[in-house]
Amino acid sequence: MAAVMRATTMSETRGFLKALVETDGDRILGFTGFGVDVGEVLSSVQIAMAAGLPYTALRDAMLTHPTLVEGLIPLFSSVPSMSKADGDRAVLNHPISAN
């Protein structure tokens, strides 16, 4: 996961993070990931989803560095500008490696 400093320090740079975000309200509707210890990242997203928080809560959070969960910042920073004309969902893909 080349964009995630902790994965780089562990030499485990293969993987991705993917999220499904509601455009009206900005809630996280789904999340998946593949890579070293992605389960640790998933738990943070599950908490945000259970609390009904918008994706911006994770995007703007001050997350510990270097950790795998800080990979959520570039993922949720890649959300395109969305309007009603775009539909009611946006799928975010953040490739974390070219390996």
C-alpha atoms as a PDB file:
ATOM      1  CA  MET A   1       0.000   0.000   0.000  1.00  0.00           C
ATOM      2  CA  ALA A   2       2.455   2.556  -1.324  1.00  0.00           C
ATOM      3  CA  ALA A   3       0.369   5.619  -0.332  1.00  0.00           C
ATOM      4  CA  VAL A   4       0.256   4.468   3.307  1.00  0.00           C
ATOM      5  CA  MET A   5       3.462   5.175   5.212  1.00  0.00           C
ATOM      6  CA  ARG A   6       3.015   2.289   7.676  1.00  0.00           C
ATOM      7  CA  ALA A   7       2.582  -0.240   4.861  1.00  0.00           C
ATOM      8  CA  THR A   8       5.700   1.136   3.230  1.00  0.00           C
ATOM      9  CA  THR A   9       7.709   0.755   6.434  1.00  0.00           C
ATOM     10  CA  MET A  10       6.547  -2.880   6.621  1.00  0.00           C
ATOM     11  CA  SER A  11       7.403  -3.455   2.924  1.00  0.00           C
ATOM     12  CA  GLU A  12       3.792  -4.550   2.332  1.00  0.00           C
ATOM     13  CA  THR A  13       2.756  -2.202  -0.453  1.00  0.00           C
ATOM     14  CA  ARG A  14       0.210  -4.298  -2.370  1.00  0.00           C
ATOM     15  CA  GLY A  15      -3.494  -3.594  -1.980  1.00  0.00           C
ATOM     16  CA  PHE A  16      -6.341  -1.126  -2.268  1.00  0.00           C
ATOM     17  CA  LEU A  17      -9.095   0.611  -0.348  1.00  0.00           C
ATOM     18  CA  LYS A  18     -12.571   1.155  -1.796  1.00  0.00           C
ATOM     19  CA  ALA A  19     -15.583   2.977  -0.367  1.00  0.00           C
ATOM     20  CA  LEU A  20     -19.173   3.571  -1.423  1.00  0.00           C
ATOM     21  CA  VAL A  21     -20.337   7.044  -0.353  1.00  0.00           C
ATOM     22  CA  GLU A  22     -23.838   8.516  -0.381  1.00  0.00           C
ATOM     23  CA  THR A  23     -23.915  11.847  -2.197  1.00  0.00           C
ATOM     24  CA  ASP A  24     -26.872  13.237  -0.286  1.00  0.00           C
ATOM     25  CA  GLY A  25     -25.611  13.330   3.287  1.00  0.00           C
ATOM     26  CA  ASP A  26     -22.124  11.979   2.576  1.00  0.00           C
ATOM     27  CA  ARG A  27     -22.546   8.808   4.653  1.00  0.00           C
ATOM     28  CA  ILE A  28     -20.291   5.826   4.046  1.00  0.00           C
ATOM     29  CA  LEU A  29     -22.473   3.045   2.660  1.00  0.00           C
ATOM     30  CA  GLY A  30     -19.797   0.405   2.176  1.00  0.00           C
ATOM     31  CA  PHE A  31     -16.088  -0.267   2.426  1.00  0.00           C
ATOM     32  CA  THR A  32     -13.655  -2.937   1.347  1.00  0.00           C
ATOM     33  CA  GLY A  33      -9.931  -3.242   1.265  1.00  0.00           C
ATOM     34  CA  PHE A  34      -7.211  -5.675   0.379  1.00  0.00           C
ATOM     35  CA  GLY A  35      -3.767  -5.541   1.884  1.00  0.00           C
ATOM     36  CA  VAL A  36      -1.753  -6.136   5.005  1.00  0.00           C
ATOM     37  CA  ASP A  37      -3.851  -5.794   8.187  1.00  0.00           C
ATOM     38  CA  VAL A  38      -6.725  -4.028   6.384  1.00  0.00           C
ATOM     39  CA  GLY A  39      -9.003  -5.381   9.135  1.00  0.00           C
ATOM     40  CA  GLU A  40      -7.596  -2.689  11.407  1.00  0.00           C
ATOM     41  CA  VAL A  41      -8.663  -0.037   8.913  1.00  0.00           C
ATOM     42  CA  LEU A  42     -12.083  -1.650   8.516  1.00  0.00           C
ATOM     43  CA  SER A  43     -12.908  -1.300  12.208  1.00  0.00           C
ATOM     44  CA  SER A  44     -12.476   2.482  12.012  1.00  0.00           C
ATOM     45  CA  VAL A  45     -14.808   2.663   9.030  1.00  0.00           C
ATOM     46  CA  GLN A  46     -17.341   0.394  10.774  1.00  0.00           C
ATOM     47  CA  ILE A  47     -17.447   2.725  13.770  1.00  0.00           C
ATOM     48  CA  ALA A  48     -18.007   5.740  11.505  1.00  0.00           C
ATOM     49  CA  MET A  49     -20.745   3.871   9.623  1.00  0.00           C
ATOM     50  CA  ALA A  50     -22.472   2.723  12.844  1.00  0.00           C
ATOM     51  CA  ALA A  51     -22.448   6.300  14.130  1.00  0.00           C
ATOM     52  CA  GLY A  52     -23.831   7.623  10.832  1.00  0.00           C
ATOM     53  CA  LEU A  53     -20.852   9.940  10.394  1.00  0.00           C
ATOM     54  CA  PRO A  54     -20.080  11.496   7.017  1.00  0.00           C
ATOM     55  CA  TYR A  55     -16.951  10.372   5.193  1.00  0.00           C
ATOM     56  CA  THR A  56     -15.476  13.791   5.985  1.00  0.00           C
ATOM     57  CA  ALA A  57     -15.183  12.803   9.657  1.00  0.00           C
ATOM     58  CA  LEU A  58     -12.502  10.279   8.675  1.00  0.00           C
ATOM     59  CA  ARG A  59     -11.009  12.450   5.948  1.00  0.00           C
ATOM     60  CA  ASP A  60     -10.494  15.358   8.344  1.00  0.00           C
ATOM     61  CA  ALA A  61      -9.492  13.340  11.426  1.00  0.00           C
ATOM     62  CA  MET A  62      -6.078  13.755  13.011  1.00  0.00           C
ATOM     63  CA  LEU A  63      -4.944  10.125  12.701  1.00  0.00           C
ATOM     64  CA  THR A  64      -1.841   8.636  14.265  1.00  0.00           C
ATOM     65  CA  HIS A  65       1.202   8.433  11.996  1.00  0.00           C
ATOM     66  CA  PRO A  66       2.430   6.043  10.783  1.00  0.00           C
ATOM     67  CA  THR A  67      -0.590   3.744  10.879  1.00  0.00           C
ATOM     68  CA  LEU A  68      -2.576   1.855   8.280  1.00  0.00           C
ATOM     69  CA  VAL A  69      -5.759   3.733   9.148  1.00  0.00           C
ATOM     70  CA  GLU A  70      -4.244   6.984   7.891  1.00  0.00           C
ATOM     71  CA  GLY A  71      -4.780   5.516   4.405  1.00  0.00           C
ATOM     72  CA  LEU A  72      -8.382   6.667   4.826  1.00  0.00           C
ATOM     73  CA  ILE A  73      -7.279  10.277   4.428  1.00  0.00           C
ATOM     74  CA  PRO A  74      -6.165   9.959   0.778  1.00  0.00           C
ATOM     75  CA  LEU A  75      -9.109   7.649   0.054  1.00  0.00           C
ATOM     76  CA  PHE A  76     -11.733  10.098   1.289  1.00  0.00           C
ATOM     77  CA  SER A  77      -9.794  13.086  -0.042  1.00  0.00           C
ATOM     78  CA  SER A  78     -10.331  11.641  -3.528  1.00  0.00           C
ATOM     79  CA  VAL A  79     -14.123  12.108  -3.354  1.00  0.00           C
ATOM     80  CA  PRO A  80     -15.166  13.958  -6.512  1.00  0.00           C
ATOM     81  CA  SER A  81     -17.483  16.931  -6.402  1.00  0.00           C
ATOM     82  CA  MET A  82     -20.929  15.347  -6.471  1.00  0.00           C
ATOM     83  CA  SER A  83     -24.296  16.753  -7.445  1.00  0.00           C
ATOM     84  CA  LYS A  84     -27.771  15.300  -7.685  1.00  0.00           C
ATOM     85  CA  ALA A  85     -27.168  14.893 -11.433  1.00  0.00           C
ATOM     86  CA  ASP A  86     -24.400  12.411 -10.588  1.00  0.00           C
ATOM     87  CA  GLY A  87     -26.829  10.014  -8.922  1.00  0.00           C
ATOM     88  CA  ASP A  88     -27.050   9.080  -5.258  1.00  0.00           C
ATOM     89  CA  ARG A  89     -23.763   7.181  -4.808  1.00  0.00           C
ATOM     90  CA  ALA A  90     -20.113   7.489  -5.656  1.00  0.00           C
ATOM     91  CA  VAL A  91     -17.664   4.602  -5.597  1.00  0.00           C
ATOM     92  CA  LEU A  92     -14.188   5.604  -4.468  1.00  0.00           C
ATOM     93  CA  ASN A  93     -11.189   3.607  -5.548  1.00  0.00           C
ATOM     94  CA  HIS A  94      -7.827   4.357  -4.064  1.00  0.00           C
ATOM     95  CA  PRO A  95      -5.193   2.100  -5.553  1.00  0.00           C
ATOM     96  CA  ILE A  96      -2.553   1.752  -2.905  1.00  0.00           C
ATOM     97  CA  SER A  97      -0.004   0.053  -5.075  1.00  0.00           C
ATOM     98  CA  ALA A  98       1.030  -0.685  -8.582  1.00  0.00           C
ATOM     99  CA  ASN A  99       2.717  -3.930  -7.411  1.00  0.00           C
END
